C-alpha atoms as a PDB file:
ATOM      1  CA  UNK A   1       0.072  -0.034  -0.004  1.00  0.00           C
ATOM      2  CA  UNK A   2       2.559   2.659  -1.140  1.00  0.00           C
ATOM      3  CA  UNK A   3       1.654   6.133  -0.096  1.00  0.00           C
ATOM      4  CA  UNK A   4       1.417   8.182  -3.291  1.00  0.00           C
ATOM      5  CA  UNK A   5      -0.348  11.259  -2.551  1.00  0.00           C
ATOM      6  CA  UNK A   6      -0.655  13.735  -5.860  1.00  0.00           C
ATOM      7  CA  UNK A   7      -1.109  17.330  -5.403  1.00  0.00           C
ATOM      8  CA  UNK A   8      -4.178  18.509  -6.594  1.00  0.00           C
ATOM      9  CA  UNK A   9      -2.284  21.610  -8.163  1.00  0.00           C
ATOM     10  CA  UNK A  10       0.189  19.275  -9.880  1.00  0.00           C
ATOM     11  CA  UNK A  11      -1.154  19.866 -13.440  1.00  0.00           C
ATOM     12  CA  UNK A  12       0.144  20.304 -16.789  1.00  0.00           C
ATOM     13  CA  UNK A  13      -0.992  20.997 -20.487  1.00  0.00           C
ATOM     14  CA  UNK A  14      -3.033  17.967 -20.457  1.00  0.00           C
ATOM     15  CA  UNK A  15      -6.252  18.624 -22.442  1.00  0.00           C
ATOM     16  CA  UNK A  16      -9.423  16.820 -20.910  1.00  0.00           C
ATOM     17  CA  UNK A  17     -12.205  15.486 -22.852  1.00  0.00           C
ATOM     18  CA  UNK A  18     -15.634  14.731 -20.885  1.00  0.00           C
ATOM     19  CA  UNK A  19     -17.486  12.191 -22.376  1.00  0.00           C
ATOM     20  CA  UNK A  20     -21.273  12.339 -21.214  1.00  0.00           C
ATOM     21  CA  UNK A  21     -22.680  15.260 -19.237  1.00  0.00           C
ATOM     22  CA  UNK A  22     -24.690  13.941 -16.335  1.00  0.00           C
ATOM     23  CA  UNK A  23     -24.216  14.306 -12.436  1.00  0.00           C
ATOM     24  CA  UNK A  24     -20.925  12.772 -11.937  1.00  0.00           C
ATOM     25  CA  UNK A  25     -19.528  14.556 -15.149  1.00  0.00           C
ATOM     26  CA  UNK A  26     -20.520  17.855 -13.780  1.00  0.00           C
ATOM     27  CA  UNK A  27     -18.814  17.197 -10.234  1.00  0.00           C
ATOM     28  CA  UNK A  28     -15.587  16.191 -11.853  1.00  0.00           C
ATOM     29  CA  UNK A  29     -15.484  18.860 -14.245  1.00  0.00           C
ATOM     30  CA  UNK A  30     -16.114  21.491 -11.582  1.00  0.00           C
ATOM     31  CA  UNK A  31     -13.257  20.073  -9.853  1.00  0.00           C
ATOM     32  CA  UNK A  32     -11.170  20.225 -12.706  1.00  0.00           C
ATOM     33  CA  UNK A  33     -11.859  23.816 -13.527  1.00  0.00           C
ATOM     34  CA  UNK A  34     -11.743  24.959 -10.161  1.00  0.00           C
ATOM     35  CA  UNK A  35      -8.151  23.443  -9.609  1.00  0.00           C
ATOM     36  CA  UNK A  36      -7.072  24.969 -13.193  1.00  0.00           C
ATOM     37  CA  UNK A  37      -7.032  21.771 -15.149  1.00  0.00           C
ATOM     38  CA  UNK A  38      -7.474  22.314 -18.982  1.00  0.00           C
ATOM     39  CA  UNK A  39     -10.831  20.938 -20.110  1.00  0.00           C
ATOM     40  CA  UNK A  40     -10.658  20.946 -23.706  1.00  0.00           C
ATOM     41  CA  UNK A  41     -13.858  19.346 -25.048  1.00  0.00           C
ATOM     42  CA  UNK A  42     -17.174  18.085 -23.710  1.00  0.00           C
ATOM     43  CA  UNK A  43     -19.039  15.554 -25.808  1.00  0.00           C
ATOM     44  CA  UNK A  44     -22.705  14.048 -25.574  1.00  0.00           C
ATOM     45  CA  UNK A  45     -25.090  12.170 -27.763  1.00  0.00           C
ATOM     46  CA  UNK A  46     -27.214  15.506 -27.904  1.00  0.00           C
ATOM     47  CA  UNK A  47     -25.417  18.521 -29.460  1.00  0.00           C
ATOM     48  CA  UNK A  48     -27.733  20.846 -27.249  1.00  0.00           C
ATOM     49  CA  UNK A  49     -26.732  19.046 -24.056  1.00  0.00           C
ATOM     50  CA  UNK A  50     -22.890  19.243 -25.146  1.00  0.00           C
ATOM     51  CA  UNK A  51     -23.140  22.982 -25.886  1.00  0.00           C
ATOM     52  CA  UNK A  52     -25.160  23.527 -22.749  1.00  0.00           C
ATOM     53  CA  UNK A  53     -22.176  21.651 -20.652  1.00  0.00           C
ATOM     54  CA  UNK A  54     -19.458  23.553 -22.558  1.00  0.00           C
ATOM     55  CA  UNK A  55     -21.053  26.807 -21.796  1.00  0.00           C
ATOM     56  CA  UNK A  56     -21.470  26.137 -18.009  1.00  0.00           C
ATOM     57  CA  UNK A  57     -17.912  25.191 -17.667  1.00  0.00           C
ATOM     58  CA  UNK A  58     -16.271  27.161 -20.133  1.00  0.00           C
ATOM     59  CA  UNK A  59     -15.229  24.630 -22.187  1.00  0.00           C
ATOM     60  CA  UNK A  60     -13.980  25.566 -25.824  1.00  0.00           C
ATOM     61  CA  UNK A  61     -15.106  22.579 -27.871  1.00  0.00           C
ATOM     62  CA  UNK A  62     -18.664  20.969 -27.831  1.00  0.00           C
ATOM     63  CA  UNK A  63     -19.378  17.687 -29.729  1.00  0.00           C
ATOM     64  CA  UNK A  64     -22.693  16.303 -30.489  1.00  0.00           C
ATOM     65  CA  UNK A  65     -21.245  12.490 -30.512  1.00  0.00           C
ATOM     66  CA  UNK A  66     -18.943  10.526 -28.504  1.00  0.00           C
ATOM     67  CA  UNK A  67     -17.050   9.801 -31.943  1.00  0.00           C
ATOM     68  CA  UNK A  68     -16.404  13.330 -32.407  1.00  0.00           C
ATOM     69  CA  UNK A  69     -15.187  13.720 -28.729  1.00  0.00           C
ATOM     70  CA  UNK A  70     -12.786  11.116 -28.879  1.00  0.00           C
ATOM     71  CA  UNK A  71     -11.367  12.117 -32.408  1.00  0.00           C
ATOM     72  CA  UNK A  72     -10.696  15.775 -31.143  1.00  0.00           C
ATOM     73  CA  UNK A  73      -6.957  16.358 -31.489  1.00  0.00           C
ATOM     74  CA  UNK A  74      -6.960  18.909 -28.627  1.00  0.00           C
ATOM     75  CA  UNK A  75      -8.219  16.095 -26.118  1.00  0.00           C
ATOM     76  CA  UNK A  76      -5.556  13.910 -24.262  1.00  0.00           C
ATOM     77  CA  UNK A  77      -7.484  12.009 -21.934  1.00  0.00           C
ATOM     78  CA  UNK A  78     -11.157  10.951 -21.912  1.00  0.00           C
ATOM     79  CA  UNK A  79     -13.020  10.837 -18.832  1.00  0.00           C
ATOM     80  CA  UNK A  80     -15.738   8.047 -19.410  1.00  0.00           C
ATOM     81  CA  UNK A  81     -18.947   9.253 -17.205  1.00  0.00           C
ATOM     82  CA  UNK A  82     -21.579   7.251 -19.261  1.00  0.00           C
ATOM     83  CA  UNK A  83     -23.623   4.329 -17.632  1.00  0.00           C
ATOM     84  CA  UNK A  84     -21.644   1.278 -16.642  1.00  0.00           C
ATOM     85  CA  UNK A  85     -22.854  -0.687 -19.418  1.00  0.00           C
ATOM     86  CA  UNK A  86     -21.120   1.697 -21.979  1.00  0.00           C
ATOM     87  CA  UNK A  87     -17.935   2.199 -20.192  1.00  0.00           C
ATOM     88  CA  UNK A  88     -16.052  -0.584 -21.947  1.00  0.00           C
ATOM     89  CA  UNK A  89     -17.318   0.298 -25.619  1.00  0.00           C
ATOM     90  CA  UNK A  90     -16.704   3.964 -24.566  1.00  0.00           C
ATOM     91  CA  UNK A  91     -13.204   3.511 -23.349  1.00  0.00           C
ATOM     92  CA  UNK A  92     -12.262   1.116 -26.056  1.00  0.00           C
ATOM     93  CA  UNK A  93     -13.174   3.684 -28.693  1.00  0.00           C
ATOM     94  CA  UNK A  94     -11.153   6.635 -26.941  1.00  0.00           C
ATOM     95  CA  UNK A  95      -8.143   4.047 -26.889  1.00  0.00           C
ATOM     96  CA  UNK A  96      -8.604   3.136 -30.557  1.00  0.00           C
ATOM     97  CA  UNK A  97      -8.367   7.068 -31.134  1.00  0.00           C
ATOM     98  CA  UNK A  98      -5.093   7.329 -29.329  1.00  0.00           C
ATOM     99  CA  UNK A  99      -6.575   8.781 -25.881  1.00  0.00           C
ATOM    100  CA  UNK A 100      -5.575   8.050 -22.461  1.00  0.00           C
ATOM    101  CA  UNK A 101      -8.933   7.071 -20.278  1.00  0.00           C
ATOM    102  CA  UNK A 102     -10.089   7.681 -16.931  1.00  0.00           C
ATOM    103  CA  UNK A 103     -13.210   5.375 -16.528  1.00  0.00           C
ATOM    104  CA  UNK A 104     -15.765   5.943 -13.809  1.00  0.00           C
ATOM    105  CA  UNK A 105     -16.185   3.431 -11.085  1.00  0.00           C
ATOM    106  CA  UNK A 106     -17.526   0.811 -11.360  1.00  0.00           C
ATOM    107  CA  UNK A 107     -14.801   0.445 -14.189  1.00  0.00           C
ATOM    108  CA  UNK A 108     -17.109  -2.045 -16.244  1.00  0.00           C
ATOM    109  CA  UNK A 109     -19.984  -4.429 -15.881  1.00  0.00           C
ATOM    110  CA  UNK A 110     -17.875  -7.493 -15.021  1.00  0.00           C
ATOM    111  CA  UNK A 111     -14.105  -8.439 -14.686  1.00  0.00           C
ATOM    112  CA  UNK A 112     -14.030 -10.098 -18.285  1.00  0.00           C
ATOM    113  CA  UNK A 113     -14.813  -6.309 -19.746  1.00  0.00           C
ATOM    114  CA  UNK A 114     -12.375  -4.770 -17.535  1.00  0.00           C
ATOM    115  CA  UNK A 115      -9.449  -7.159 -18.786  1.00  0.00           C
ATOM    116  CA  UNK A 116     -10.063  -6.506 -22.203  1.00  0.00           C
ATOM    117  CA  UNK A 117      -9.961  -2.814 -22.026  1.00  0.00           C
ATOM    118  CA  UNK A 118      -6.777  -2.856 -19.743  1.00  0.00           C
ATOM    119  CA  UNK A 119      -5.181  -4.980 -22.381  1.00  0.00           C
ATOM    120  CA  UNK A 120      -6.199  -2.690 -25.176  1.00  0.00           C
ATOM    121  CA  UNK A 121      -4.571   0.108 -23.191  1.00  0.00           C
ATOM    122  CA  UNK A 122      -1.500  -1.711 -22.473  1.00  0.00           C
ATOM    123  CA  UNK A 123      -1.172  -2.680 -26.214  1.00  0.00           C
ATOM    124  CA  UNK A 124      -1.558   1.143 -27.277  1.00  0.00           C
ATOM    125  CA  UNK A 125       0.822   2.195 -24.492  1.00  0.00           C
ATOM    126  CA  UNK A 126      -1.811   4.483 -23.086  1.00  0.00           C
ATOM    127  CA  UNK A 127      -2.903   5.157 -19.572  1.00  0.00           C
ATOM    128  CA  UNK A 128      -5.976   3.458 -18.282  1.00  0.00           C
ATOM    129  CA  UNK A 129      -7.330   4.270 -14.960  1.00  0.00           C
ATOM    130  CA  UNK A 130     -10.410   3.617 -12.949  1.00  0.00           C
ATOM    131  CA  UNK A 131     -11.966   6.604 -11.322  1.00  0.00           C
ATOM    132  CA  UNK A 132     -12.136   5.457  -7.814  1.00  0.00           C
ATOM    133  CA  UNK A 133     -11.490   8.896  -6.600  1.00  0.00           C
ATOM    134  CA  UNK A 134     -11.487   8.042  -2.904  1.00  0.00           C
ATOM    135  CA  UNK A 135      -8.301   6.178  -2.950  1.00  0.00           C
ATOM    136  CA  UNK A 136      -6.606   9.618  -4.081  1.00  0.00           C
ATOM    137  CA  UNK A 137      -7.854  11.671  -1.231  1.00  0.00           C
ATOM    138  CA  UNK A 138      -5.625  13.140   1.385  1.00  0.00           C
ATOM    139  CA  UNK A 139      -7.286  11.234   4.183  1.00  0.00           C
ATOM    140  CA  UNK A 140      -6.893   7.787   2.509  1.00  0.00           C
ATOM    141  CA  UNK A 141      -3.242   8.276   2.124  1.00  0.00           C
ATOM    142  CA  UNK A 142      -2.989   9.130   5.798  1.00  0.00           C
ATOM    143  CA  UNK A 143      -5.168   5.816   6.552  1.00  0.00           C
ATOM    144  CA  UNK A 144      -2.578   3.780   4.670  1.00  0.00           C
ATOM    145  CA  UNK A 145       0.493   5.383   6.459  1.00  0.00           C
ATOM    146  CA  UNK A 146      -0.940   4.526   9.891  1.00  0.00           C
ATOM    147  CA  UNK A 147      -1.190   0.919   8.986  1.00  0.00           C
ATOM    148  CA  UNK A 148       2.344   1.049   7.416  1.00  0.00           C
ATOM    149  CA  UNK A 149       3.495   2.733  10.502  1.00  0.00           C
ATOM    150  CA  UNK A 150       2.206  -0.109  12.637  1.00  0.00           C
ATOM    151  CA  UNK A 151       0.221   2.212  14.810  1.00  0.00           C
ATOM    152  CA  UNK A 152      -2.888  -0.228  15.105  1.00  0.00           C
ATOM    153  CA  UNK A 153      -0.911  -3.445  14.821  1.00  0.00           C
ATOM    154  CA  UNK A 154      -2.035  -6.200  12.480  1.00  0.00           C
ATOM    155  CA  UNK A 155      -5.236  -5.272  10.708  1.00  0.00           C
ATOM    156  CA  UNK A 156      -7.770  -7.883  11.299  1.00  0.00           C
ATOM    157  CA  UNK A 157     -10.980  -6.646  10.120  1.00  0.00           C
ATOM    158  CA  UNK A 158     -12.804  -3.375   8.708  1.00  0.00           C
ATOM    159  CA  UNK A 159     -16.344  -2.405   7.948  1.00  0.00           C
ATOM    160  CA  UNK A 160     -17.758   0.224   5.662  1.00  0.00           C
ATOM    161  CA  UNK A 161     -21.059   1.309   4.674  1.00  0.00           C
ATOM    162  CA  UNK A 162     -22.189   3.309   1.805  1.00  0.00           C
ATOM    163  CA  UNK A 163     -26.087   4.109   1.785  1.00  0.00           C
ATOM    164  CA  UNK A 164     -28.148   6.753   0.142  1.00  0.00           C
ATOM    165  CA  UNK A 165     -31.876   7.346  -0.647  1.00  0.00           C
ATOM    166  CA  UNK A 166     -31.808   7.292  -4.540  1.00  0.00           C
ATOM    167  CA  UNK A 167     -34.636   7.348  -7.097  1.00  0.00           C
ATOM    168  CA  UNK A 168     -36.899   4.427  -7.086  1.00  0.00           C
ATOM    169  CA  UNK A 169     -38.505   5.326 -10.351  1.00  0.00           C
ATOM    170  CA  UNK A 170     -38.315   2.021 -12.548  1.00  0.00           C
ATOM    171  CA  UNK A 171     -37.486   4.319 -15.438  1.00  0.00           C
ATOM    172  CA  UNK A 172     -34.207   5.720 -13.558  1.00  0.00           C
ATOM    173  CA  UNK A 173     -31.060   4.280 -14.910  1.00  0.00           C
ATOM    174  CA  UNK A 174     -30.248   3.206 -11.441  1.00  0.00           C
ATOM    175  CA  UNK A 175     -33.213   0.580 -11.589  1.00  0.00           C
ATOM    176  CA  UNK A 176     -32.743  -0.345 -15.281  1.00  0.00           C
ATOM    177  CA  UNK A 177     -30.939  -3.973 -15.585  1.00  0.00           C
ATOM    178  CA  UNK A 178     -30.328  -3.167 -19.310  1.00  0.00           C
ATOM    179  CA  UNK A 179     -28.010  -0.214 -17.975  1.00  0.00           C
ATOM    180  CA  UNK A 180     -26.540  -2.288 -15.269  1.00  0.00           C
ATOM    181  CA  UNK A 181     -28.235  -0.505 -12.714  1.00  0.00           C
ATOM    182  CA  UNK A 182     -28.366  -1.316  -8.973  1.00  0.00           C
ATOM    183  CA  UNK A 183     -26.973  -0.549  -5.666  1.00  0.00           C
ATOM    184  CA  UNK A 184     -23.639  -2.632  -6.042  1.00  0.00           C
ATOM    185  CA  UNK A 185     -22.204  -1.033  -9.124  1.00  0.00           C
ATOM    186  CA  UNK A 186     -23.213   2.414  -7.996  1.00  0.00           C
ATOM    187  CA  UNK A 187     -22.494   2.699  -4.358  1.00  0.00           C
ATOM    188  CA  UNK A 188     -21.416  -0.964  -3.209  1.00  0.00           C
ATOM    189  CA  UNK A 189     -18.268  -0.579  -5.111  1.00  0.00           C
ATOM    190  CA  UNK A 190     -16.973   2.149  -2.754  1.00  0.00           C
ATOM    191  CA  UNK A 191     -16.809  -0.153   0.382  1.00  0.00           C
ATOM    192  CA  UNK A 192     -15.786  -3.254  -1.791  1.00  0.00           C
ATOM    193  CA  UNK A 193     -13.110  -1.463  -3.179  1.00  0.00           C
ATOM    194  CA  UNK A 194     -11.897  -0.070   0.205  1.00  0.00           C
ATOM    195  CA  UNK A 195     -11.704  -3.554   1.481  1.00  0.00           C
ATOM    196  CA  UNK A 196      -9.548  -4.531  -1.340  1.00  0.00           C
ATOM    197  CA  UNK A 197      -7.339  -1.341  -0.667  1.00  0.00           C
ATOM    198  CA  UNK A 198      -6.642  -2.296   3.042  1.00  0.00           C
ATOM    199  CA  UNK A 199      -6.803  -5.955   3.017  1.00  0.00           C
ATOM    200  CA  UNK A 200      -6.012  -7.047  -0.507  1.00  0.00           C
ATOM    201  CA  UNK A 201      -8.367  -9.296  -2.736  1.00  0.00           C
ATOM    202  CA  UNK A 202     -10.409 -11.482  -0.648  1.00  0.00           C
ATOM    203  CA  UNK A 203      -9.998 -15.249  -1.008  1.00  0.00           C
ATOM    204  CA  UNK A 204     -13.621 -15.830   0.043  1.00  0.00           C
ATOM    205  CA  UNK A 205     -16.613 -13.831  -0.990  1.00  0.00           C
ATOM    206  CA  UNK A 206     -20.043 -13.992   0.695  1.00  0.00           C
ATOM    207  CA  UNK A 207     -23.043 -11.721  -0.697  1.00  0.00           C
ATOM    208  CA  UNK A 208     -26.535 -11.400   0.481  1.00  0.00           C
ATOM    209  CA  UNK A 209     -28.984  -8.980  -1.029  1.00  0.00           C
ATOM    210  CA  UNK A 210     -32.309  -7.680  -1.879  1.00  0.00           C
ATOM    211  CA  UNK A 211     -33.827  -7.024  -5.284  1.00  0.00           C
ATOM    212  CA  UNK A 212     -36.271  -4.622  -7.042  1.00  0.00           C
ATOM    213  CA  UNK A 213     -38.922  -5.744  -9.433  1.00  0.00           C
ATOM    214  CA  UNK A 214     -36.983  -4.568 -12.235  1.00  0.00           C
ATOM    215  CA  UNK A 215     -34.276  -7.043 -11.228  1.00  0.00           C
ATOM    216  CA  UNK A 216     -31.750  -4.733 -10.020  1.00  0.00           C
ATOM    217  CA  UNK A 217     -29.989  -5.000  -6.422  1.00  0.00           C
ATOM    218  CA  UNK A 218     -31.509  -2.397  -3.873  1.00  0.00           C
ATOM    219  CA  UNK A 219     -29.599  -3.352  -1.153  1.00  0.00           C
ATOM    220  CA  UNK A 220     -26.241  -5.566  -0.847  1.00  0.00           C
ATOM    221  CA  UNK A 221     -24.207  -6.797   2.183  1.00  0.00           C
ATOM    222  CA  UNK A 222     -20.782  -8.651   1.858  1.00  0.00           C
ATOM    223  CA  UNK A 223     -18.613 -10.667   4.301  1.00  0.00           C
ATOM    224  CA  UNK A 224     -15.090 -11.230   2.735  1.00  0.00           C
ATOM    225  CA  UNK A 225     -12.292 -13.248   4.048  1.00  0.00           C
ATOM    226  CA  UNK A 226      -8.748 -11.810   3.133  1.00  0.00           C
ATOM    227  CA  UNK A 227      -5.262 -13.031   3.243  1.00  0.00           C
ATOM    228  CA  UNK A 228      -4.084 -13.978   6.919  1.00  0.00           C
ATOM    229  CA  UNK A 229      -7.684 -14.782   7.729  1.00  0.00           C
ATOM    230  CA  UNK A 230      -8.575 -10.953   8.029  1.00  0.00           C
ATOM    231  CA  UNK A 231     -12.429 -10.294   7.598  1.00  0.00           C
ATOM    232  CA  UNK A 232     -14.342  -7.170   6.058  1.00  0.00           C
ATOM    233  CA  UNK A 233     -18.068  -6.614   6.042  1.00  0.00           C
ATOM    234  CA  UNK A 234     -19.703  -4.158   3.727  1.00  0.00           C
ATOM    235  CA  UNK A 235     -22.986  -2.536   3.483  1.00  0.00           C
ATOM    236  CA  UNK A 236     -24.676  -0.847   0.730  1.00  0.00           C
ATOM    237  CA  UNK A 237     -28.206   0.501  -0.231  1.00  0.00           C
ATOM    238  CA  UNK A 238     -29.794   2.887  -2.389  1.00  0.00           C
ATOM    239  CA  UNK A 239     -33.063   3.089  -0.243  1.00  0.00           C
ATOM    240  CA  UNK A 240     -31.992   3.866   3.109  1.00  0.00           C
ATOM    241  CA  UNK A 241     -29.197   6.293   4.596  1.00  0.00           C
ATOM    242  CA  UNK A 242     -27.057   4.922   7.334  1.00  0.00           C
ATOM    243  CA  UNK A 243     -23.974   6.533   9.059  1.00  0.00           C
ATOM    244  CA  UNK A 244     -21.540   6.418   6.134  1.00  0.00           C
ATOM    245  CA  UNK A 245     -18.670   5.632   8.385  1.00  0.00           C
ATOM    246  CA  UNK A 246     -15.741   3.086   8.110  1.00  0.00           C
ATOM    247  CA  UNK A 247     -13.312   1.696  10.880  1.00  0.00           C
ATOM    248  CA  UNK A 248     -10.410  -0.584  10.476  1.00  0.00           C
ATOM    249  CA  UNK A 249      -9.396  -2.633  13.489  1.00  0.00           C
ATOM    250  CA  UNK A 250      -5.990  -3.695  14.202  1.00  0.00           C
ATOM    251  CA  UNK A 251      -4.394  -5.915  17.269  1.00  0.00           C
ATOM    252  CA  UNK A 252      -3.180  -2.570  18.745  1.00  0.00           C
ATOM    253  CA  UNK A 253      -5.850  -0.110  18.010  1.00  0.00           C
ATOM    254  CA  UNK A 254      -8.565   1.060  15.618  1.00  0.00           C
ATOM    255  CA  UNK A 255      -8.884   3.882  12.591  1.00  0.00           C
ATOM    256  CA  UNK A 256     -12.240   5.347  12.462  1.00  0.00           C
ATOM    257  CA  UNK A 257     -13.125   7.455   9.517  1.00  0.00           C
ATOM    258  CA  UNK A 258     -15.937  10.029   9.839  1.00  0.00           C
ATOM    259  CA  UNK A 259     -18.940  10.438   7.830  1.00  0.00           C
ATOM    260  CA  UNK A 260     -18.645  10.551   4.927  1.00  0.00           C
ATOM    261  CA  UNK A 261     -15.812   8.439   4.852  1.00  0.00           C
ATOM    262  CA  UNK A 262     -15.326   8.076   1.104  1.00  0.00           C
ATOM    263  CA  UNK A 263     -15.393  11.841   0.733  1.00  0.00           C
ATOM    264  CA  UNK A 264     -12.785  14.062   2.315  1.00  0.00           C
ATOM    265  CA  UNK A 265     -13.081  13.455   6.002  1.00  0.00           C
ATOM    266  CA  UNK A 266     -11.565  13.598   9.422  1.00  0.00           C
ATOM    267  CA  UNK A 267      -9.600  10.282  10.691  1.00  0.00           C
ATOM    268  CA  UNK A 268      -8.973   9.200  14.293  1.00  0.00           C
ATOM    269  CA  UNK A 269      -6.423   7.003  15.425  1.00  0.00           C
ATOM    270  CA  UNK A 270      -7.134   5.094  18.860  1.00  0.00           C
ATOM    271  CA  UNK A 271      -5.304   2.529  20.811  1.00  0.00           C
ATOM    272  CA  UNK A 272      -7.004  -0.619  22.379  1.00  0.00           C
ATOM    273  CA  UNK A 273      -8.169   1.306  25.486  1.00  0.00           C
ATOM    274  CA  UNK A 274      -9.964   3.823  23.043  1.00  0.00           C
ATOM    275  CA  UNK A 275      -7.481   6.555  23.773  1.00  0.00           C
ATOM    276  CA  UNK A 276      -6.904   9.121  20.846  1.00  0.00           C
ATOM    277  CA  UNK A 277      -3.316   8.757  19.268  1.00  0.00           C
ATOM    278  CA  UNK A 278      -3.582  10.792  16.146  1.00  0.00           C
ATOM    279  CA  UNK A 279      -6.248  12.840  14.300  1.00  0.00           C
ATOM    280  CA  UNK A 280      -6.280  13.965  10.861  1.00  0.00           C
ATOM    281  CA  UNK A 281      -8.550  16.431   9.826  1.00  0.00           C
ATOM    282  CA  UNK A 282      -7.336  18.376   6.505  1.00  0.00           C
ATOM    283  CA  UNK A 283      -9.710  20.620   4.768  1.00  0.00           C
ATOM    284  CA  UNK A 284     -10.191  19.850   0.907  1.00  0.00           C
ATOM    285  CA  UNK A 285     -11.441  22.541  -1.619  1.00  0.00           C
ATOM    286  CA  UNK A 286     -14.429  21.175  -3.567  1.00  0.00           C
ATOM    287  CA  UNK A 287     -15.632  17.476  -3.777  1.00  0.00           C
ATOM    288  CA  UNK A 288     -11.941  16.118  -3.860  1.00  0.00           C
ATOM    289  CA  UNK A 289     -12.149  14.679  -7.295  1.00  0.00           C
ATOM    290  CA  UNK A 290      -9.028  16.674  -8.515  1.00  0.00           C
ATOM    291  CA  UNK A 291      -6.557  14.389  -6.571  1.00  0.00           C
ATOM    292  CA  UNK A 292      -7.369  11.548  -9.277  1.00  0.00           C
ATOM    293  CA  UNK A 293      -6.741  13.981 -12.175  1.00  0.00           C
ATOM    294  CA  UNK A 294      -3.588  15.301 -11.047  1.00  0.00           C
ATOM    295  CA  UNK A 295      -2.490  11.477 -10.539  1.00  0.00           C
ATOM    296  CA  UNK A 296      -3.487  10.757 -14.190  1.00  0.00           C
ATOM    297  CA  UNK A 297      -1.785  13.687 -15.567  1.00  0.00           C
ATOM    298  CA  UNK A 298       1.589  12.781 -13.484  1.00  0.00           C
ATOM    299  CA  UNK A 299       1.117   9.311 -14.879  1.00  0.00           C
ATOM    300  CA  UNK A 300       0.899  10.793 -18.448  1.00  0.00           C
ATOM    301  CA  UNK A 301       3.908  13.058 -18.105  1.00  0.00           C
ATOM    302  CA  UNK A 302       5.914  10.078 -16.928  1.00  0.00           C
ATOM    303  CA  UNK A 303       4.651   7.612 -19.631  1.00  0.00           C
ATOM    304  CA  UNK A 304       2.989   5.221 -17.378  1.00  0.00           C
ATOM    305  CA  UNK A 305      -0.066   3.119 -18.144  1.00  0.00           C
ATOM    306  CA  UNK A 306      -1.346   2.516 -14.843  1.00  0.00           C
ATOM    307  CA  UNK A 307      -1.580   4.285 -11.372  1.00  0.00           C
ATOM    308  CA  UNK A 308       0.150   2.299  -8.478  1.00  0.00           C
ATOM    309  CA  UNK A 309      -2.982   3.285  -6.239  1.00  0.00           C
ATOM    310  CA  UNK A 310      -5.368   1.906  -8.366  1.00  0.00           C
ATOM    311  CA  UNK A 311      -3.654  -0.651 -10.680  1.00  0.00           C
ATOM    312  CA  UNK A 312      -5.014  -2.593 -13.416  1.00  0.00           C
ATOM    313  CA  UNK A 313      -4.980  -5.869 -11.229  1.00  0.00           C
ATOM    314  CA  UNK A 314      -6.673  -4.125  -8.430  1.00  0.00           C
ATOM    315  CA  UNK A 315      -9.434  -2.821 -10.518  1.00  0.00           C
ATOM    316  CA  UNK A 316     -10.036  -6.419 -12.077  1.00  0.00           C
ATOM    317  CA  UNK A 317      -9.927  -7.905  -8.616  1.00  0.00           C
ATOM    318  CA  UNK A 318     -12.829  -5.493  -7.623  1.00  0.00           C
ATOM    319  CA  UNK A 319     -14.797  -6.403 -10.431  1.00  0.00           C
ATOM    320  CA  UNK A 320     -14.190 -10.080  -9.675  1.00  0.00           C
ATOM    321  CA  UNK A 321     -15.615  -9.783  -6.327  1.00  0.00           C
ATOM    322  CA  UNK A 322     -18.496  -7.876  -7.567  1.00  0.00           C
ATOM    323  CA  UNK A 323     -19.094 -10.588 -10.137  1.00  0.00           C
ATOM    324  CA  UNK A 324     -19.046 -13.172  -7.298  1.00  0.00           C
ATOM    325  CA  UNK A 325     -21.392 -11.056  -5.254  1.00  0.00           C
ATOM    326  CA  UNK A 326     -24.000 -10.618  -8.020  1.00  0.00           C
ATOM    327  CA  UNK A 327     -23.805 -14.486  -8.580  1.00  0.00           C
ATOM    328  CA  UNK A 328     -24.902 -15.081  -5.046  1.00  0.00           C
ATOM    329  CA  UNK A 329     -27.561 -12.288  -5.106  1.00  0.00           C
ATOM    330  CA  UNK A 330     -28.978 -13.557  -8.459  1.00  0.00           C
ATOM    331  CA  UNK A 331     -28.240 -10.475 -10.618  1.00  0.00           C
ATOM    332  CA  UNK A 332     -27.014 -10.973 -14.080  1.00  0.00           C
ATOM    333  CA  UNK A 333     -26.960  -8.278 -16.834  1.00  0.00           C
ATOM    334  CA  UNK A 334     -28.086  -8.809 -20.257  1.00  0.00           C
ATOM    335  CA  UNK A 335     -25.388 -10.121 -22.576  1.00  0.00           C
ATOM    336  CA  UNK A 336     -23.437 -11.916 -19.661  1.00  0.00           C
END
């Protein structure tokens, strides 16, 4: 768990292309613009939407198709922000046009798609990175440093939850199985990826969940056994809102991450008696998505094709875990 912590201001002249103009694209673009990164173009299936998005954020080029966006010579890296079922195709199209890619999480629909995209990127010598922005935040670098310094001893378990009240409308993409909707890929990926980050890929996965009438999962719980018999538990839901906290338990203490743990948050380290040893509470401007952008730009400048904080192997491992969970709860997407 190498402590790589890019500065949100370590930007160059990389030109970003934003593929899709929905909510997460707006959030990421806001952080890009706020921190002085160069957003060269935006693309949508609707020319009107592309122009409106570009106007909102002061972007020079607006494209009425994804093909036009990935062909734009002013774009160096494409941020893929479409629904999950389109990630693999959109990322591959960008790679075929010679663009680096940052792909929203969950990276793809399943592990097989993820492997194919990464293989294509390596073959092209281009950066391919999952936009698991939480891993790049300062408080997560601090959590990893606490573990590496041995402050809590050997890590034996962790728990994290990600729960939100999200739309229940059957027409919403979250409730559409054809769009790979559901709780796990949208919100469950956060705690599952966190467990992988801290404990490594699991050797045993158990999943339980509840499905909506449309066939998507509305809540999911996991119990995973990791190396050295460490255990993680996660809970995710899109119909209830819980504390959204996380805790890492070691033989000599614990790490408590305040709500909302997957966004910039305070962290408290305590010994086994519950006494505070350290506290990290560093303010972050904006949502914090600029850190993954800075990491991507650094890697491009260095000619790297993957991030040490979110390697290709790690992204595939997370997708493999979620494939196993979906198998247990009975969720299968069209075409699988």
